[in-house]
Amino acid sequence: MAGRRVALKAIDWVSFAERIPANQRSMFNALKTRSDAISAKLTSLPPTPVVIDWSHYKTAVAKAGMVDEFEKKFKALQIPEAVDTQTSVVTAQEAESNKNALAYVEESKARIAQYEATLAKLTNMIPFDQMTVEDLNDTFPETKLDKVKYPYWPHKPIAEL
């Protein structure tokens, strides 16, 4: 039975509940209650459908050929089973997300190393109140004024101010 195979896939409700925001807790509880009810209904069903006693109906039904026609149609009946087309898509998305997360972690580690280097530079520099202009220009080269190229104050292009 297709329903029984679906019911065998276990859901980790505890880890699922940890990810639910507080404003959606009631919807989660309703989903879990509904899922538990369906699971209980599926487990209460027999593993195979009840076999129909066609000979009993042939003797009980007065119209000849009717039961034979029903039996033939019943045996020809094919109930389509649901095909899982989304698990592979979700698995691919999960792999892509994991790859992106690992790349982000590596980029973050590189940024952290850069920030720690900047922090070490700022921690070990001469205090501002003891710095000379040369010390300031050595520590922060972007503050150096180009008096040769721009001999007049503010010694920078106006666009950079």
Protein backbone atom coordinates (compact mmCIF):
# COMPACT_ATOMS: atom_id res chain seq x y z
CA MET A 1 0.00 0.00 0.00
CA ALA A 2 1.30 3.41 -0.95
CA GLY A 3 -0.13 5.00 2.19
CA ARG A 4 1.76 2.56 4.39
CA ARG A 5 5.06 3.39 2.63
CA VAL A 6 4.44 7.10 3.16
CA ALA A 7 3.68 6.47 6.83
CA LEU A 8 7.00 4.66 7.28
CA LYS A 9 8.98 7.82 6.57
CA ALA A 10 9.74 9.15 10.02
CA ILE A 11 9.49 12.83 10.86
CA ASP A 12 11.75 14.19 13.57
CA TRP A 13 9.12 16.33 15.29
CA VAL A 14 11.50 17.55 18.00
CA SER A 15 14.01 19.09 15.60
CA PHE A 16 11.11 20.35 13.47
CA ALA A 17 9.56 22.05 16.53
CA GLU A 18 12.86 23.77 17.37
CA ARG A 19 12.76 25.60 14.03
CA ILE A 20 9.18 26.84 14.33
CA PRO A 21 8.76 30.53 15.22
CA ALA A 22 6.55 31.31 18.20
CA ASN A 23 3.87 32.95 16.05
CA GLN A 24 3.44 29.73 14.02
CA ARG A 25 3.32 27.31 16.96
CA SER A 26 -0.46 26.80 16.71
CA MET A 27 -0.19 25.88 13.01
CA PHE A 28 2.62 23.45 13.84
CA ASN A 29 0.51 21.82 16.58
CA ALA A 30 -2.41 21.47 14.17
CA LEU A 31 -0.12 19.87 11.56
CA LYS A 32 1.30 17.43 14.10
CA THR A 33 -2.17 16.51 15.39
CA ARG A 34 -3.41 15.91 11.84
CA SER A 35 -0.30 13.90 10.97
CA ASP A 36 -0.68 11.77 14.10
CA ALA A 37 -4.35 11.13 13.29
CA ILE A 38 -3.52 10.04 9.73
CA SER A 39 -0.65 7.87 10.97
CA ALA A 40 -2.93 6.22 13.54
CA LYS A 41 -5.56 5.58 10.85
CA LEU A 42 -2.95 4.02 8.55
CA THR A 43 -1.61 1.74 11.28
CA SER A 44 -5.12 0.57 12.13
CA LEU A 45 -5.67 -0.68 8.57
CA PRO A 46 -4.75 -4.25 7.63
CA PRO A 47 -1.52 -4.66 5.64
CA THR A 48 -3.42 -6.03 2.64
CA PRO A 49 -6.95 -5.17 1.54
CA VAL A 50 -9.76 -7.55 2.41
CA VAL A 51 -10.28 -10.19 -0.28
CA ILE A 52 -13.70 -10.01 -1.92
CA ASP A 53 -15.67 -13.28 -1.94
CA TRP A 54 -16.98 -13.11 -5.50
CA SER A 55 -18.66 -16.56 -5.28
CA HIS A 56 -20.86 -15.34 -2.43
CA TYR A 57 -22.00 -12.34 -4.48
CA LYS A 58 -22.64 -14.55 -7.55
CA THR A 59 -25.15 -16.55 -5.52
CA ALA A 60 -26.65 -13.52 -3.75
CA VAL A 61 -27.13 -11.18 -6.74
CA ALA A 62 -30.08 -12.12 -8.93
CA LYS A 63 -28.94 -10.47 -12.19
CA ALA A 64 -26.70 -12.84 -14.11
CA GLY A 65 -23.33 -11.54 -15.31
CA MET A 66 -23.38 -8.44 -13.11
CA VAL A 67 -20.96 -9.82 -10.51
CA ASP A 68 -18.67 -11.18 -13.28
CA GLU A 69 -18.60 -7.72 -14.86
CA PHE A 70 -17.79 -6.08 -11.49
CA GLU A 71 -15.10 -8.67 -10.80
CA LYS A 72 -13.49 -8.08 -14.19
CA LYS A 73 -13.57 -4.28 -13.71
CA PHE A 74 -12.24 -4.59 -10.16
CA LYS A 75 -9.29 -6.73 -11.27
CA ALA A 76 -8.55 -4.29 -14.12
CA LEU A 77 -8.60 -1.34 -11.73
CA GLN A 78 -5.17 0.20 -11.29
CA ILE A 79 -4.89 2.80 -8.57
CA PRO A 80 -2.01 5.17 -9.28
CA GLU A 81 0.51 5.52 -6.52
CA ALA A 82 2.11 8.82 -5.70
CA VAL A 83 5.59 9.20 -7.12
CA ASP A 84 8.16 11.07 -5.10
CA THR A 85 9.51 13.75 -7.42
CA GLN A 86 10.56 16.30 -4.82
CA THR A 87 13.04 14.45 -2.61
CA SER A 88 15.79 14.67 -5.22
CA VAL A 89 15.08 18.39 -5.69
CA VAL A 90 15.18 19.03 -1.95
CA THR A 91 18.36 16.97 -1.59
CA ALA A 92 20.00 19.00 -4.37
CA GLN A 93 18.89 22.25 -2.72
CA GLU A 94 20.23 21.02 0.63
CA ALA A 95 23.61 20.15 -0.93
CA GLU A 96 23.74 23.58 -2.62
CA SER A 97 22.83 25.31 0.66
CA ASN A 98 25.52 23.37 2.52
CA LYS A 99 28.07 24.31 -0.12
CA ASN A 100 27.04 27.98 0.10
CA ALA A 101 27.18 27.87 3.90
CA LEU A 102 30.68 26.39 3.87
CA ALA A 103 31.82 29.04 1.37
CA TYR A 104 30.31 31.74 3.59
CA VAL A 105 32.08 30.32 6.65
CA GLU A 106 35.41 30.36 4.81
CA GLU A 107 34.84 33.95 3.65
CA SER A 108 33.89 34.89 7.21
CA LYS A 109 37.07 33.35 8.57
CA ALA A 110 39.08 35.39 6.06
CA ARG A 111 37.22 38.57 7.09
CA ILE A 112 37.77 37.76 10.76
CA ALA A 113 41.52 37.37 10.16
CA GLN A 114 41.53 40.72 8.33
CA TYR A 115 39.58 42.41 11.13
CA GLU A 116 41.86 40.91 13.79
CA ALA A 117 44.90 42.26 11.91
CA THR A 118 43.28 45.71 11.77
CA LEU A 119 42.41 45.48 15.45
CA ALA A 120 45.99 44.52 16.31
CA LYS A 121 47.24 47.49 14.26
CA LEU A 122 44.87 49.87 16.05
CA THR A 123 45.67 48.41 19.47
CA ASN A 124 49.43 48.67 18.98
CA MET A 125 49.57 52.14 17.41
CA ILE A 126 50.76 55.28 19.14
CA PRO A 127 47.89 57.10 20.89
CA PHE A 128 46.49 59.95 18.82
CA ASP A 129 47.40 62.60 21.37
CA GLN A 130 51.08 61.55 21.11
CA MET A 131 51.20 61.19 17.31
CA THR A 132 53.00 63.51 14.98
CA VAL A 133 51.76 64.20 11.45
CA GLU A 134 54.38 61.78 10.09
CA ASP A 135 53.18 59.05 12.49
CA LEU A 136 49.59 59.69 11.38
CA ASN A 137 50.57 59.45 7.70
CA ASP A 138 52.55 56.25 8.35
CA THR A 139 49.69 54.63 10.29
CA PHE A 140 46.91 55.86 8.01
CA PRO A 141 48.37 56.46 4.52
CA GLU A 142 44.99 57.57 3.16
CA THR A 143 45.22 60.74 5.27
CA LYS A 144 48.49 61.90 3.68
CA LEU A 145 48.10 65.20 1.81
CA ASP A 146 49.71 65.51 -1.61
CA LYS A 147 51.17 69.01 -1.43
CA VAL A 148 53.23 68.49 -4.60
CA LYS A 149 50.33 67.54 -6.86
CA TYR A 150 47.85 69.85 -5.10
CA PRO A 151 49.90 72.76 -3.70
CA TYR A 152 46.86 74.68 -2.42
CA TRP A 153 44.68 73.84 0.51
CA PRO A 154 42.88 71.34 0.97
CA HIS A 155 45.70 69.50 -0.93
CA LYS A 156 43.16 67.00 -2.30
CA PRO A 157 40.79 67.01 -5.24
CA ILE A 158 37.44 68.54 -4.28
CA ALA A 159 35.67 65.35 -5.43
CA GLU A 160 37.42 63.34 -2.69
CA LEU A 161 36.33 65.61 0.14
